[in-house]
Amino acid sequence: MRPPSLGAASLLALSLIGVSGCDQVEKSAQQVLGKATESAKQAIDDTHKAAEQALSEATQGLISPEKQEKDAENDAESDTKET
């Protein structure tokens, strides 16, 4: 039986270094994806707020969620009283 060659030992060592490098790359990629996800969520929230503000300005406050809810409640109450 002959002892493992220096080439085989070197190849094994390089393989282990490569695997540990892959783990580090994977962790870095996960961090980048996490940051990208947070940025995308923030952009969506900002866009939603801007759209709500633009709609409010365009309608000059004629349609407001509070008014719509009160109108719906009043309509429901008047419907039950009529029956």
PDB file of N, CA and C in Angstrom:
ATOM      1  N   MET A   1       0.833  -1.161   0.000  1.00  0.00           N
ATOM      2  CA  MET A   1       0.000   0.000   0.000  1.00  0.00           C
ATOM      3  C   MET A   1       0.890   1.240   0.000  1.00  0.00           C
ATOM      4  N   ARG A   2       0.625   2.127  -0.902  1.00  0.00           N
ATOM      5  CA  ARG A   2       1.482   3.307  -0.941  1.00  0.00           C
ATOM      6  C   ARG A   2       0.771   4.498  -0.305  1.00  0.00           C
ATOM      7  N   PRO A   3       1.481   5.392   0.312  1.00  0.00           N
ATOM      8  CA  PRO A   3       0.872   6.549   0.974  1.00  0.00           C
ATOM      9  C   PRO A   3       0.257   7.496  -0.056  1.00  0.00           C
ATOM     10  N   PRO A   4      -0.758   8.217   0.364  1.00  0.00           N
ATOM     11  CA  PRO A   4      -1.403   9.152  -0.577  1.00  0.00           C
ATOM     12  C   PRO A   4      -0.382  10.166  -1.090  1.00  0.00           C
ATOM     13  N   SER A   5      -0.552  10.499  -2.322  1.00  0.00           N
ATOM     14  CA  SER A   5       0.402  11.426  -2.930  1.00  0.00           C
ATOM     15  C   SER A   5       0.131  12.855  -2.470  1.00  0.00           C
ATOM     16  N   LEU A   6       1.105  13.673  -2.663  1.00  0.00           N
ATOM     17  CA  LEU A   6       0.981  15.082  -2.306  1.00  0.00           C
ATOM     18  C   LEU A   6      -0.102  15.749  -3.155  1.00  0.00           C
ATOM     19  N   GLY A   7      -0.253  15.314  -4.384  1.00  0.00           N
ATOM     20  CA  GLY A   7      -1.276  15.863  -5.281  1.00  0.00           C
ATOM     21  C   GLY A   7      -2.677  15.573  -4.758  1.00  0.00           C
ATOM     22  N   ALA A   8      -2.900  14.351  -4.278  1.00  0.00           N
ATOM     23  CA  ALA A   8      -4.220  13.982  -3.767  1.00  0.00           C
ATOM     24  C   ALA A   8      -4.537  14.778  -2.507  1.00  0.00           C
ATOM     25  N   ALA A   9      -3.556  14.950  -1.644  1.00  0.00           N
ATOM     26  CA  ALA A   9      -3.760  15.725  -0.426  1.00  0.00           C
ATOM     27  C   ALA A   9      -4.050  17.188  -0.766  1.00  0.00           C
ATOM     28  N   SER A  10      -3.350  17.706  -1.750  1.00  0.00           N
ATOM     29  CA  SER A  10      -3.575  19.093  -2.172  1.00  0.00           C
ATOM     30  C   SER A  10      -4.977  19.262  -2.757  1.00  0.00           C
ATOM     31  N   LEU A  11      -5.383  18.289  -3.557  1.00  0.00           N
ATOM     32  CA  LEU A  11      -6.711  18.342  -4.155  1.00  0.00           C
ATOM     33  C   LEU A  11      -7.792  18.304  -3.073  1.00  0.00           C
ATOM     34  N   LEU A  12      -7.614  17.478  -2.076  1.00  0.00           N
ATOM     35  CA  LEU A  12      -8.565  17.396  -0.974  1.00  0.00           C
ATOM     36  C   LEU A  12      -8.614  18.709  -0.200  1.00  0.00           C
ATOM     37  N   ALA A  13      -7.465  19.295   0.063  1.00  0.00           N
ATOM     38  CA  ALA A  13      -7.416  20.571   0.786  1.00  0.00           C
ATOM     39  C   ALA A  13      -8.093  21.676  -0.023  1.00  0.00           C
ATOM     40  N   LEU A  14      -7.841  21.737  -1.305  1.00  0.00           N
ATOM     41  CA  LEU A  14      -8.469  22.745  -2.151  1.00  0.00           C
ATOM     42  C   LEU A  14      -9.984  22.549  -2.218  1.00  0.00           C
ATOM     43  N   SER A  15     -10.415  21.307  -2.223  1.00  0.00           N
ATOM     44  CA  SER A  15     -11.849  21.021  -2.233  1.00  0.00           C
ATOM     45  C   SER A  15     -12.509  21.535  -0.962  1.00  0.00           C
ATOM     46  N   LEU A  16     -11.866  21.310   0.173  1.00  0.00           N
ATOM     47  CA  LEU A  16     -12.414  21.788   1.445  1.00  0.00           C
ATOM     48  C   LEU A  16     -12.465  23.314   1.483  1.00  0.00           C
ATOM     49  N   ILE A  17     -11.438  23.952   0.956  1.00  0.00           N
ATOM     50  CA  ILE A  17     -11.414  25.420   0.903  1.00  0.00           C
ATOM     51  C   ILE A  17     -12.535  25.920  -0.009  1.00  0.00           C
ATOM     52  N   GLY A  18     -12.708  25.216  -1.115  1.00  0.00           N
ATOM     53  CA  GLY A  18     -13.780  25.602  -2.048  1.00  0.00           C
ATOM     54  C   GLY A  18     -15.149  25.475  -1.431  1.00  0.00           C
ATOM     55  N   VAL A  19     -15.386  24.405  -0.683  1.00  0.00           N
ATOM     56  CA  VAL A  19     -16.686  24.206  -0.037  1.00  0.00           C
ATOM     57  C   VAL A  19     -16.931  25.290   1.006  1.00  0.00           C
ATOM     58  N   SER A  20     -15.928  25.615   1.790  1.00  0.00           N
ATOM     59  CA  SER A  20     -16.109  26.664   2.796  1.00  0.00           C
ATOM     60  C   SER A  20     -16.322  28.010   2.117  1.00  0.00           C
ATOM     61  N   GLY A  21     -15.681  28.204   0.985  1.00  0.00           N
ATOM     62  CA  GLY A  21     -15.896  29.427   0.212  1.00  0.00           C
ATOM     63  C   GLY A  21     -17.323  29.502  -0.315  1.00  0.00           C
ATOM     64  N   CYS A  22     -17.875  28.364  -0.722  1.00  0.00           N
ATOM     65  CA  CYS A  22     -19.256  28.328  -1.215  1.00  0.00           C
ATOM     66  C   CYS A  22     -20.232  28.689  -0.105  1.00  0.00           C
ATOM     67  N   ASP A  23     -19.971  28.212   1.092  1.00  0.00           N
ATOM     68  CA  ASP A  23     -20.840  28.555   2.224  1.00  0.00           C
ATOM     69  C   ASP A  23     -20.829  30.055   2.467  1.00  0.00           C
ATOM     70  N   GLN A  24     -19.645  30.647   2.370  1.00  0.00           N
ATOM     71  CA  GLN A  24     -19.531  32.085   2.580  1.00  0.00           C
ATOM     72  C   GLN A  24     -20.266  32.843   1.485  1.00  0.00           C
ATOM     73  N   VAL A  25     -20.156  32.377   0.253  1.00  0.00           N
ATOM     74  CA  VAL A  25     -20.848  33.007  -0.872  1.00  0.00           C
ATOM     75  C   VAL A  25     -22.359  32.887  -0.672  1.00  0.00           C
ATOM     76  N   GLU A  26     -22.812  31.736  -0.216  1.00  0.00           N
ATOM     77  CA  GLU A  26     -24.247  31.533   0.014  1.00  0.00           C
ATOM     78  C   GLU A  26     -24.763  32.481   1.097  1.00  0.00           C
ATOM     79  N   LYS A  27     -24.019  32.633   2.173  1.00  0.00           N
ATOM     80  CA  LYS A  27     -24.422  33.556   3.240  1.00  0.00           C
ATOM     81  C   LYS A  27     -24.482  34.992   2.725  1.00  0.00           C
ATOM     82  N   SER A  28     -23.497  35.362   1.944  1.00  0.00           N
ATOM     83  CA  SER A  28     -23.476  36.716   1.382  1.00  0.00           C
ATOM     84  C   SER A  28     -24.660  36.930   0.445  1.00  0.00           C
ATOM     85  N   ALA A  29     -24.952  35.927  -0.363  1.00  0.00           N
ATOM     86  CA  ALA A  29     -26.090  36.029  -1.286  1.00  0.00           C
ATOM     87  C   ALA A  29     -27.400  36.156  -0.515  1.00  0.00           C
ATOM     88  N   GLN A  30     -27.549  35.417   0.574  1.00  0.00           N
ATOM     89  CA  GLN A  30     -28.759  35.514   1.391  1.00  0.00           C
ATOM     90  C   GLN A  30     -28.894  36.910   1.995  1.00  0.00           C
ATOM     91  N   GLN A  31     -27.791  37.483   2.436  1.00  0.00           N
ATOM     92  CA  GLN A  31     -27.825  38.840   2.988  1.00  0.00           C
ATOM     93  C   GLN A  31     -28.234  39.847   1.924  1.00  0.00           C
ATOM     94  N   VAL A  32     -27.686  39.700   0.740  1.00  0.00           N
ATOM     95  CA  VAL A  32     -28.014  40.618  -0.351  1.00  0.00           C
ATOM     96  C   VAL A  32     -29.489  40.486  -0.718  1.00  0.00           C
ATOM     97  N   LEU A  33     -29.987  39.263  -0.805  1.00  0.00           N
ATOM     98  CA  LEU A  33     -31.398  39.048  -1.125  1.00  0.00           C
ATOM     99  C   LEU A  33     -32.304  39.600  -0.036  1.00  0.00           C
ATOM    100  N   GLY A  34     -31.902  39.455   1.214  1.00  0.00           N
ATOM    101  CA  GLY A  34     -32.683  40.003   2.320  1.00  0.00           C
ATOM    102  C   GLY A  34     -32.779  41.515   2.238  1.00  0.00           C
ATOM    103  N   LYS A  35     -31.648  42.156   1.941  1.00  0.00           N
ATOM    104  CA  LYS A  35     -31.645  43.615   1.804  1.00  0.00           C
ATOM    105  C   LYS A  35     -32.473  44.052   0.603  1.00  0.00           C
ATOM    106  N   ALA A  36     -32.392  43.307  -0.485  1.00  0.00           N
ATOM    107  CA  ALA A  36     -33.169  43.637  -1.680  1.00  0.00           C
ATOM    108  C   ALA A  36     -34.661  43.497  -1.402  1.00  0.00           C
ATOM    109  N   THR A  37     -35.029  42.476  -0.644  1.00  0.00           N
ATOM    110  CA  THR A  37     -36.434  42.272  -0.291  1.00  0.00           C
ATOM    111  C   THR A  37     -36.945  43.428   0.556  1.00  0.00           C
ATOM    112  N   GLU A  38     -36.178  43.839   1.537  1.00  0.00           N
ATOM    113  CA  GLU A  38     -36.579  44.963   2.386  1.00  0.00           C
ATOM    114  C   GLU A  38     -36.710  46.252   1.572  1.00  0.00           C
ATOM    115  N   SER A  39     -35.778  46.464   0.651  1.00  0.00           N
ATOM    116  CA  SER A  39     -35.844  47.651  -0.196  1.00  0.00           C
ATOM    117  C   SER A  39     -37.089  47.626  -1.074  1.00  0.00           C
ATOM    118  N   ALA A  40     -37.411  46.456  -1.605  1.00  0.00           N
ATOM    119  CA  ALA A  40     -38.601  46.330  -2.448  1.00  0.00           C
ATOM    120  C   ALA A  40     -39.866  46.589  -1.641  1.00  0.00           C
ATOM    121  N   LYS A  41     -39.939  46.052  -0.428  1.00  0.00           N
ATOM    122  CA  LYS A  41     -41.099  46.297   0.434  1.00  0.00           C
ATOM    123  C   LYS A  41     -41.248  47.782   0.737  1.00  0.00           C
ATOM    124  N   GLN A  42     -40.138  48.429   1.025  1.00  0.00           N
ATOM    125  CA  GLN A  42     -40.169  49.860   1.330  1.00  0.00           C
ATOM    126  C   GLN A  42     -40.624  50.657   0.113  1.00  0.00           C
ATOM    127  N   ALA A  43     -40.148  50.279  -1.059  1.00  0.00           N
ATOM    128  CA  ALA A  43     -40.551  50.975  -2.284  1.00  0.00           C
ATOM    129  C   ALA A  43     -42.043  50.801  -2.540  1.00  0.00           C
ATOM    130  N   ILE A  44     -42.565  49.608  -2.283  1.00  0.00           N
ATOM    131  CA  ILE A  44     -44.000  49.359  -2.464  1.00  0.00           C
ATOM    132  C   ILE A  44     -44.802  50.191  -1.479  1.00  0.00           C
ATOM    133  N   ASP A  45     -44.375  50.224  -0.226  1.00  0.00           N
ATOM    134  CA  ASP A  45     -45.077  51.025   0.780  1.00  0.00           C
ATOM    135  C   ASP A  45     -45.058  52.508   0.422  1.00  0.00           C
ATOM    136  N   ASP A  46     -43.909  53.003  -0.013  1.00  0.00           N
ATOM    137  CA  ASP A  46     -43.796  54.408  -0.394  1.00  0.00           C
ATOM    138  C   ASP A  46     -44.686  54.726  -1.590  1.00  0.00           C
ATOM    139  N   THR A  47     -44.720  53.815  -2.555  1.00  0.00           N
ATOM    140  CA  THR A  47     -45.557  54.007  -3.737  1.00  0.00           C
ATOM    141  C   THR A  47     -47.028  54.015  -3.356  1.00  0.00           C
ATOM    142  N   HIS A  48     -47.400  53.116  -2.453  1.00  0.00           N
ATOM    143  CA  HIS A  48     -48.794  53.045  -1.996  1.00  0.00           C
ATOM    144  C   HIS A  48     -49.209  54.345  -1.301  1.00  0.00           C
ATOM    145  N   LYS A  49     -48.357  54.845  -0.439  1.00  0.00           N
ATOM    146  CA  LYS A  49     -48.649  56.100   0.259  1.00  0.00           C
ATOM    147  C   LYS A  49     -48.761  57.257  -0.724  1.00  0.00           C
ATOM    148  N   ALA A  50     -47.849  57.297  -1.695  1.00  0.00           N
ATOM    149  CA  ALA A  50     -47.891  58.371  -2.688  1.00  0.00           C
ATOM    150  C   ALA A  50     -49.165  58.282  -3.527  1.00  0.00           C
ATOM    151  N   ALA A  51     -49.576  57.071  -3.864  1.00  0.00           N
ATOM    152  CA  ALA A  51     -50.795  56.897  -4.649  1.00  0.00           C
ATOM    153  C   ALA A  51     -52.022  57.333  -3.854  1.00  0.00           C
ATOM    154  N   GLU A  52     -52.060  56.980  -2.577  1.00  0.00           N
ATOM    155  CA  GLU A  52     -53.177  57.411  -1.735  1.00  0.00           C
ATOM    156  C   GLU A  52     -53.227  58.928  -1.633  1.00  0.00           C
ATOM    157  N   GLN A  53     -52.082  59.544  -1.467  1.00  0.00           N
ATOM    158  CA  GLN A  53     -52.021  60.999  -1.369  1.00  0.00           C
ATOM    159  C   GLN A  53     -52.450  61.642  -2.683  1.00  0.00           C
ATOM    160  N   ALA A  54     -51.986  61.100  -3.803  1.00  0.00           N
ATOM    161  CA  ALA A  54     -52.357  61.652  -5.108  1.00  0.00           C
ATOM    162  C   ALA A  54     -53.855  61.506  -5.346  1.00  0.00           C
ATOM    163  N   LEU A  55     -54.423  60.375  -4.951  1.00  0.00           N
ATOM    164  CA  LEU A  55     -55.863  60.167  -5.104  1.00  0.00           C
ATOM    165  C   LEU A  55     -56.635  61.142  -4.232  1.00  0.00           C
ATOM    166  N   SER A  56     -56.180  61.331  -3.026  1.00  0.00           N
ATOM    167  CA  SER A  56     -56.828  62.270  -2.114  1.00  0.00           C
ATOM    168  C   SER A  56     -56.776  63.684  -2.667  1.00  0.00           C
ATOM    169  N   GLU A  57     -55.629  64.070  -3.198  1.00  0.00           N
ATOM    170  CA  GLU A  57     -55.498  65.406  -3.769  1.00  0.00           C
ATOM    171  C   GLU A  57     -56.347  65.553  -5.028  1.00  0.00           C
ATOM    172  N   ALA A  58     -56.414  64.494  -5.830  1.00  0.00           N
ATOM    173  CA  ALA A  58     -57.180  64.553  -7.074  1.00  0.00           C
ATOM    174  C   ALA A  58     -58.676  64.665  -6.799  1.00  0.00           C
ATOM    175  N   THR A  59     -59.128  63.995  -5.759  1.00  0.00           N
ATOM    176  CA  THR A  59     -60.555  64.059  -5.415  1.00  0.00           C
ATOM    177  C   THR A  59     -60.825  65.179  -4.435  1.00  0.00           C
ATOM    178  N   GLN A  60     -59.794  65.877  -4.033  1.00  0.00           N
ATOM    179  CA  GLN A  60     -59.873  66.981  -3.080  1.00  0.00           C
ATOM    180  C   GLN A  60     -60.576  66.554  -1.800  1.00  0.00           C
ATOM    181  N   GLY A  61     -60.297  65.339  -1.382  1.00  0.00           N
ATOM    182  CA  GLY A  61     -60.847  64.845  -0.128  1.00  0.00           C
ATOM    183  C   GLY A  61     -62.313  64.484  -0.198  1.00  0.00           C
ATOM    184  N   LEU A  62     -62.917  64.455  -1.390  1.00  0.00           N
ATOM    185  CA  LEU A  62     -64.337  64.118  -1.504  1.00  0.00           C
ATOM    186  C   LEU A  62     -64.610  62.673  -1.103  1.00  0.00           C
ATOM    187  N   ILE A  63     -63.658  61.820  -1.386  1.00  0.00           N
ATOM    188  CA  ILE A  63     -63.803  60.413  -1.020  1.00  0.00           C
ATOM    189  C   ILE A  63     -62.788  60.135   0.069  1.00  0.00           C
ATOM    190  N   SER A  64     -63.274  59.904   1.259  1.00  0.00           N
ATOM    191  CA  SER A  64     -62.374  59.559   2.353  1.00  0.00           C
ATOM    192  C   SER A  64     -62.859  58.253   2.960  1.00  0.00           C
ATOM    193  N   PRO A  65     -61.959  57.435   3.445  1.00  0.00           N
ATOM    194  CA  PRO A  65     -62.365  56.150   4.018  1.00  0.00           C
ATOM    195  C   PRO A  65     -63.360  56.316   5.161  1.00  0.00           C
ATOM    196  N   GLU A  66     -63.178  57.341   5.982  1.00  0.00           N
ATOM    197  CA  GLU A  66     -64.078  57.537   7.106  1.00  0.00           C
ATOM    198  C   GLU A  66     -65.484  57.847   6.620  1.00  0.00           C
ATOM    199  N   LYS A  67     -65.597  58.689   5.606  1.00  0.00           N
ATOM    200  CA  LYS A  67     -66.898  59.058   5.080  1.00  0.00           C
ATOM    201  C   LYS A  67     -67.577  57.845   4.444  1.00  0.00           C
ATOM    202  N   GLN A  68     -66.831  57.060   3.716  1.00  0.00           N
ATOM    203  CA  GLN A  68     -67.388  55.880   3.075  1.00  0.00           C
ATOM    204  C   GLN A  68     -67.922  54.905   4.128  1.00  0.00           C
ATOM    205  N   GLU A  69     -67.181  54.712   5.216  1.00  0.00           N
ATOM    206  CA  GLU A  69     -67.626  53.805   6.276  1.00  0.00           C
ATOM    207  C   GLU A  69     -68.901  54.317   6.925  1.00  0.00           C
ATOM    208  N   LYS A  70     -68.980  55.626   7.214  1.00  0.00           N
ATOM    209  CA  LYS A  70     -70.173  56.195   7.837  1.00  0.00           C
ATOM    210  C   LYS A  70     -71.365  56.082   6.906  1.00  0.00           C
ATOM    211  N   ASP A  71     -71.163  56.352   5.620  1.00  0.00           N
ATOM    212  CA  ASP A  71     -72.247  56.237   4.657  1.00  0.00           C
ATOM    213  C   ASP A  71     -72.744  54.794   4.572  1.00  0.00           C
ATOM    214  N   ALA A  72     -71.833  53.844   4.581  1.00  0.00           N
ATOM    215  CA  ALA A  72     -72.215  52.442   4.521  1.00  0.00           C
ATOM    216  C   ALA A  72     -72.996  52.043   5.763  1.00  0.00           C
ATOM    217  N   GLU A  73     -72.577  52.516   6.939  1.00  0.00           N
ATOM    218  CA  GLU A  73     -73.292  52.218   8.179  1.00  0.00           C
ATOM    219  C   GLU A  73     -74.687  52.832   8.154  1.00  0.00           C
ATOM    220  N   ASN A  74     -74.783  54.066   7.705  1.00  0.00           N
ATOM    221  CA  ASN A  74     -76.083  54.726   7.631  1.00  0.00           C
ATOM    222  C   ASN A  74     -77.012  54.017   6.656  1.00  0.00           C
ATOM    223  N   ASP A  75     -76.483  53.580   5.523  1.00  0.00           N
ATOM    224  CA  ASP A  75     -77.291  52.848   4.557  1.00  0.00           C
ATOM    225  C   ASP A  75     -77.781  51.533   5.145  1.00  0.00           C
ATOM    226  N   ALA A  76     -76.920  50.843   5.885  1.00  0.00           N
ATOM    227  CA  ALA A  76     -77.299  49.569   6.496  1.00  0.00           C
ATOM    228  C   ALA A  76     -78.379  49.781   7.541  1.00  0.00           C
ATOM    229  N   GLU A  77     -78.259  50.840   8.333  1.00  0.00           N
ATOM    230  CA  GLU A  77     -79.262  51.134   9.355  1.00  0.00           C
ATOM    231  C   GLU A  77     -80.606  51.492   8.728  1.00  0.00           C
ATOM    232  N   SER A  78     -80.593  52.281   7.667  1.00  0.00           N
ATOM    233  CA  SER A  78     -81.846  52.671   7.034  1.00  0.00           C
ATOM    234  C   SER A  78     -82.485  51.477   6.336  1.00  0.00           C
ATOM    235  N   ASP A  79     -81.693  50.544   5.835  1.00  0.00           N
ATOM    236  CA  ASP A  79     -82.242  49.349   5.200  1.00  0.00           C
ATOM    237  C   ASP A  79     -82.937  48.464   6.220  1.00  0.00           C
ATOM    238  N   THR A  80     -82.380  48.351   7.418  1.00  0.00           N
ATOM    239  CA  THR A  80     -82.990  47.496   8.440  1.00  0.00           C
ATOM    240  C   THR A  80     -84.241  48.143   9.011  1.00  0.00           C
ATOM    241  N   LYS A  81     -84.308  49.459   9.063  1.00  0.00           N
ATOM    242  CA  LYS A  81     -85.487  50.148   9.582  1.00  0.00           C
ATOM    243  C   LYS A  81     -86.646  50.065   8.604  1.00  0.00           C
ATOM    244  N   GLU A  82     -86.370  50.016   7.297  1.00  0.00           N
ATOM    245  CA  GLU A  82     -87.417  49.974   6.299  1.00  0.00           C
ATOM    246  C   GLU A  82     -88.103  48.624   6.249  1.00  0.00           C
ATOM    247  N   THR A  83     -87.473  47.564   6.668  1.00  0.00           N
ATOM    248  CA  THR A  83     -88.070  46.224   6.585  1.00  0.00           C
ATOM    249  C   THR A  83     -88.896  45.878   7.763  1.00  0.00           C
TER     250      THR A  83
END
